[in-house]
Amino acid sequence: MRSSIFDVIFVGEIHDSRFAHEAELTLLTGLSERDPNLVLALEMFERDVQDILDAYLKGRYFSENQFLEQSALAKLSG
């Protein structure tokens, strides 16, 4: 594993997959052993906001605030 050359690592998962969760644990355990100052950040949007998240990542929103407003509105109306 040569992850030390990267500043950021993105990991996707299947939420109800035991295999995915075990792989994440293995990855995080290994990384934290190499760097005790490891920072873990989680993105937790629900499925009803996925289209808005995809649009934001493709640059369809003018600002982060606009994205946050739209995703919060979708959450409230969902």
N, C-alpha and C. Protein backbone atom coordinates (compact mmCIF):
# COMPACT_ATOMS: atom_id res chain seq x y z
N MET A 1 0.86 -1.17 0.00
CA MET A 1 0.00 0.00 0.00
C MET A 1 0.89 1.23 0.00
N ARG A 2 0.76 2.10 -1.00
CA ARG A 2 1.57 3.30 -1.11
C ARG A 2 0.73 4.54 -0.91
N SER A 3 -0.23 4.49 -0.04
CA SER A 3 -1.15 5.60 0.12
C SER A 3 -0.48 6.84 0.70
N SER A 4 0.71 6.71 1.25
CA SER A 4 1.37 7.87 1.87
C SER A 4 1.72 8.95 0.85
N ILE A 5 1.65 8.67 -0.43
CA ILE A 5 1.94 9.70 -1.42
C ILE A 5 0.71 10.56 -1.72
N PHE A 6 -0.45 10.18 -1.18
CA PHE A 6 -1.69 10.92 -1.43
C PHE A 6 -2.11 11.71 -0.19
N ASP A 7 -2.69 12.88 -0.42
CA ASP A 7 -3.23 13.68 0.67
C ASP A 7 -4.66 13.29 1.00
N VAL A 8 -5.38 12.80 -0.01
CA VAL A 8 -6.80 12.47 0.16
C VAL A 8 -7.07 11.13 -0.53
N ILE A 9 -7.86 10.30 0.13
CA ILE A 9 -8.30 9.03 -0.45
C ILE A 9 -9.82 9.00 -0.35
N PHE A 10 -10.51 8.78 -1.47
CA PHE A 10 -11.97 8.64 -1.48
C PHE A 10 -12.30 7.16 -1.53
N VAL A 11 -13.24 6.75 -0.70
CA VAL A 11 -13.69 5.36 -0.69
C VAL A 11 -15.21 5.35 -0.79
N GLY A 12 -15.73 4.62 -1.74
CA GLY A 12 -17.17 4.44 -1.86
C GLY A 12 -17.54 3.09 -1.29
N GLU A 13 -18.80 2.90 -1.01
CA GLU A 13 -19.20 1.63 -0.42
C GLU A 13 -20.64 1.28 -0.78
N ILE A 14 -20.95 0.04 -0.55
CA ILE A 14 -22.34 -0.42 -0.58
C ILE A 14 -22.75 -0.52 0.88
N HIS A 15 -23.74 0.24 1.28
CA HIS A 15 -24.03 0.45 2.70
C HIS A 15 -24.37 -0.82 3.48
N ASP A 16 -24.94 -1.80 2.83
CA ASP A 16 -25.31 -3.00 3.58
C ASP A 16 -24.40 -4.19 3.28
N SER A 17 -23.17 -3.89 2.84
CA SER A 17 -22.21 -4.93 2.50
C SER A 17 -21.21 -5.14 3.64
N ARG A 18 -21.27 -6.29 4.26
CA ARG A 18 -20.31 -6.61 5.32
C ARG A 18 -18.89 -6.60 4.77
N PHE A 19 -18.71 -7.12 3.55
CA PHE A 19 -17.39 -7.14 2.92
C PHE A 19 -16.83 -5.72 2.78
N ALA A 20 -17.67 -4.79 2.34
CA ALA A 20 -17.23 -3.40 2.18
C ALA A 20 -16.82 -2.81 3.52
N HIS A 21 -17.60 -3.07 4.57
CA HIS A 21 -17.27 -2.53 5.89
C HIS A 21 -15.98 -3.13 6.44
N GLU A 22 -15.76 -4.41 6.20
CA GLU A 22 -14.51 -5.04 6.64
C GLU A 22 -13.32 -4.48 5.87
N ALA A 23 -13.49 -4.24 4.57
CA ALA A 23 -12.41 -3.65 3.77
C ALA A 23 -12.09 -2.24 4.24
N GLU A 24 -13.12 -1.47 4.56
CA GLU A 24 -12.91 -0.11 5.09
C GLU A 24 -12.15 -0.15 6.40
N LEU A 25 -12.52 -1.07 7.27
CA LEU A 25 -11.85 -1.20 8.56
C LEU A 25 -10.37 -1.56 8.36
N THR A 26 -10.11 -2.48 7.45
CA THR A 26 -8.73 -2.87 7.16
C THR A 26 -7.93 -1.68 6.63
N LEU A 27 -8.52 -0.95 5.71
CA LEU A 27 -7.85 0.23 5.15
C LEU A 27 -7.57 1.28 6.22
N LEU A 28 -8.59 1.61 7.01
CA LEU A 28 -8.42 2.63 8.05
C LEU A 28 -7.44 2.21 9.14
N THR A 29 -7.47 0.93 9.49
CA THR A 29 -6.53 0.42 10.49
C THR A 29 -5.10 0.56 9.99
N GLY A 30 -4.88 0.15 8.75
CA GLY A 30 -3.54 0.25 8.17
C GLY A 30 -3.06 1.69 8.05
N LEU A 31 -3.94 2.57 7.60
CA LEU A 31 -3.56 3.97 7.45
C LEU A 31 -3.29 4.63 8.80
N SER A 32 -4.09 4.30 9.81
CA SER A 32 -3.89 4.92 11.12
C SER A 32 -2.62 4.40 11.79
N GLU A 33 -2.22 3.18 11.47
CA GLU A 33 -0.95 2.66 11.99
C GLU A 33 0.23 3.41 11.37
N ARG A 34 0.10 3.81 10.12
CA ARG A 34 1.17 4.55 9.43
C ARG A 34 1.19 6.01 9.82
N ASP A 35 0.02 6.56 10.13
CA ASP A 35 -0.07 7.99 10.46
C ASP A 35 -1.07 8.18 11.60
N PRO A 36 -0.57 8.31 12.83
CA PRO A 36 -1.49 8.48 13.96
C PRO A 36 -2.28 9.79 13.93
N ASN A 37 -1.91 10.71 13.05
CA ASN A 37 -2.64 11.98 12.90
C ASN A 37 -3.67 11.92 11.78
N LEU A 38 -4.02 10.72 11.35
CA LEU A 38 -5.01 10.51 10.28
C LEU A 38 -6.31 11.23 10.60
N VAL A 39 -6.89 11.87 9.60
CA VAL A 39 -8.18 12.53 9.73
C VAL A 39 -9.18 11.77 8.86
N LEU A 40 -10.32 11.44 9.44
CA LEU A 40 -11.38 10.74 8.72
C LEU A 40 -12.56 11.69 8.55
N ALA A 41 -12.99 11.88 7.32
CA ALA A 41 -14.17 12.72 7.04
C ALA A 41 -15.20 11.84 6.35
N LEU A 42 -16.46 12.01 6.70
CA LEU A 42 -17.52 11.21 6.13
C LEU A 42 -18.54 12.09 5.42
N GLU A 43 -19.00 11.63 4.28
CA GLU A 43 -20.07 12.29 3.54
C GLU A 43 -21.28 11.41 3.70
N MET A 44 -22.33 11.98 4.24
CA MET A 44 -23.52 11.16 4.50
C MET A 44 -24.77 11.85 3.97
N PHE A 45 -24.98 11.72 2.68
CA PHE A 45 -26.22 12.20 2.08
C PHE A 45 -27.10 10.99 1.82
N GLU A 46 -28.38 11.15 2.01
CA GLU A 46 -29.31 10.06 1.75
C GLU A 46 -29.62 9.98 0.26
N ARG A 47 -30.20 8.88 -0.16
CA ARG A 47 -30.45 8.62 -1.58
C ARG A 47 -31.29 9.69 -2.25
N ASP A 48 -32.23 10.30 -1.52
CA ASP A 48 -33.10 11.29 -2.15
C ASP A 48 -32.37 12.57 -2.52
N VAL A 49 -31.13 12.71 -2.10
CA VAL A 49 -30.33 13.90 -2.41
C VAL A 49 -29.25 13.57 -3.45
N GLN A 50 -29.18 12.32 -3.90
CA GLN A 50 -28.11 11.89 -4.80
C GLN A 50 -28.07 12.69 -6.10
N ASP A 51 -29.23 12.97 -6.70
CA ASP A 51 -29.25 13.73 -7.96
C ASP A 51 -28.68 15.13 -7.75
N ILE A 52 -28.98 15.74 -6.62
CA ILE A 52 -28.47 17.08 -6.31
C ILE A 52 -26.97 17.01 -6.09
N LEU A 53 -26.50 16.00 -5.36
CA LEU A 53 -25.06 15.81 -5.13
C LEU A 53 -24.33 15.60 -6.46
N ASP A 54 -24.88 14.75 -7.33
CA ASP A 54 -24.26 14.51 -8.64
C ASP A 54 -24.18 15.81 -9.46
N ALA A 55 -25.26 16.58 -9.44
CA ALA A 55 -25.27 17.85 -10.18
C ALA A 55 -24.21 18.81 -9.64
N TYR A 56 -24.08 18.88 -8.34
CA TYR A 56 -23.07 19.76 -7.73
C TYR A 56 -21.66 19.34 -8.15
N LEU A 57 -21.40 18.05 -8.12
CA LEU A 57 -20.07 17.55 -8.49
C LEU A 57 -19.77 17.77 -9.97
N LYS A 58 -20.80 17.90 -10.79
CA LYS A 58 -20.62 18.17 -12.21
C LYS A 58 -20.60 19.67 -12.51
N GLY A 59 -20.64 20.51 -11.45
CA GLY A 59 -20.54 21.95 -11.63
C GLY A 59 -21.83 22.64 -12.00
N ARG A 60 -22.96 22.03 -11.73
CA ARG A 60 -24.25 22.62 -12.12
C ARG A 60 -24.80 23.63 -11.11
N TYR A 61 -24.13 23.79 -9.99
CA TYR A 61 -24.56 24.79 -9.00
C TYR A 61 -23.52 25.90 -8.98
N PHE A 62 -23.96 27.12 -8.77
CA PHE A 62 -23.06 28.26 -8.78
C PHE A 62 -22.18 28.31 -7.54
N SER A 63 -22.69 27.81 -6.43
CA SER A 63 -21.91 27.93 -5.20
C SER A 63 -22.21 26.76 -4.27
N GLU A 64 -21.35 26.61 -3.30
CA GLU A 64 -21.57 25.60 -2.27
C GLU A 64 -22.85 25.90 -1.49
N ASN A 65 -23.09 27.18 -1.21
CA ASN A 65 -24.29 27.56 -0.48
C ASN A 65 -25.56 27.16 -1.24
N GLN A 66 -25.55 27.38 -2.57
CA GLN A 66 -26.71 27.00 -3.38
C GLN A 66 -26.93 25.48 -3.29
N PHE A 67 -25.85 24.72 -3.38
CA PHE A 67 -25.94 23.26 -3.25
C PHE A 67 -26.52 22.87 -1.89
N LEU A 68 -25.99 23.49 -0.82
CA LEU A 68 -26.46 23.15 0.52
C LEU A 68 -27.93 23.50 0.71
N GLU A 69 -28.35 24.63 0.16
CA GLU A 69 -29.76 25.01 0.24
C GLU A 69 -30.64 23.99 -0.48
N GLN A 70 -30.24 23.61 -1.69
CA GLN A 70 -31.04 22.66 -2.48
C GLN A 70 -31.08 21.29 -1.82
N SER A 71 -29.97 20.84 -1.27
CA SER A 71 -29.96 19.52 -0.65
C SER A 71 -30.78 19.53 0.64
N ALA A 72 -30.77 20.65 1.37
CA ALA A 72 -31.59 20.75 2.59
C ALA A 72 -33.07 20.80 2.23
N LEU A 73 -33.42 21.52 1.14
CA LEU A 73 -34.81 21.58 0.70
C LEU A 73 -35.30 20.21 0.27
N ALA A 74 -34.45 19.47 -0.43
CA ALA A 74 -34.84 18.12 -0.88
C ALA A 74 -35.05 17.23 0.33
N LYS A 75 -34.22 17.39 1.33
CA LYS A 75 -34.35 16.60 2.54
C LYS A 75 -35.68 16.91 3.25
N LEU A 76 -36.02 18.18 3.30
CA LEU A 76 -37.26 18.59 3.98
C LEU A 76 -38.51 18.12 3.21
N SER A 77 -38.42 18.14 1.87
CA SER A 77 -39.59 17.78 1.08
C SER A 77 -39.66 16.30 0.78
N GLY A 78 -38.55 15.57 1.03
CA GLY A 78 -38.48 14.16 0.72
C GLY A 78 -39.40 13.34 1.52
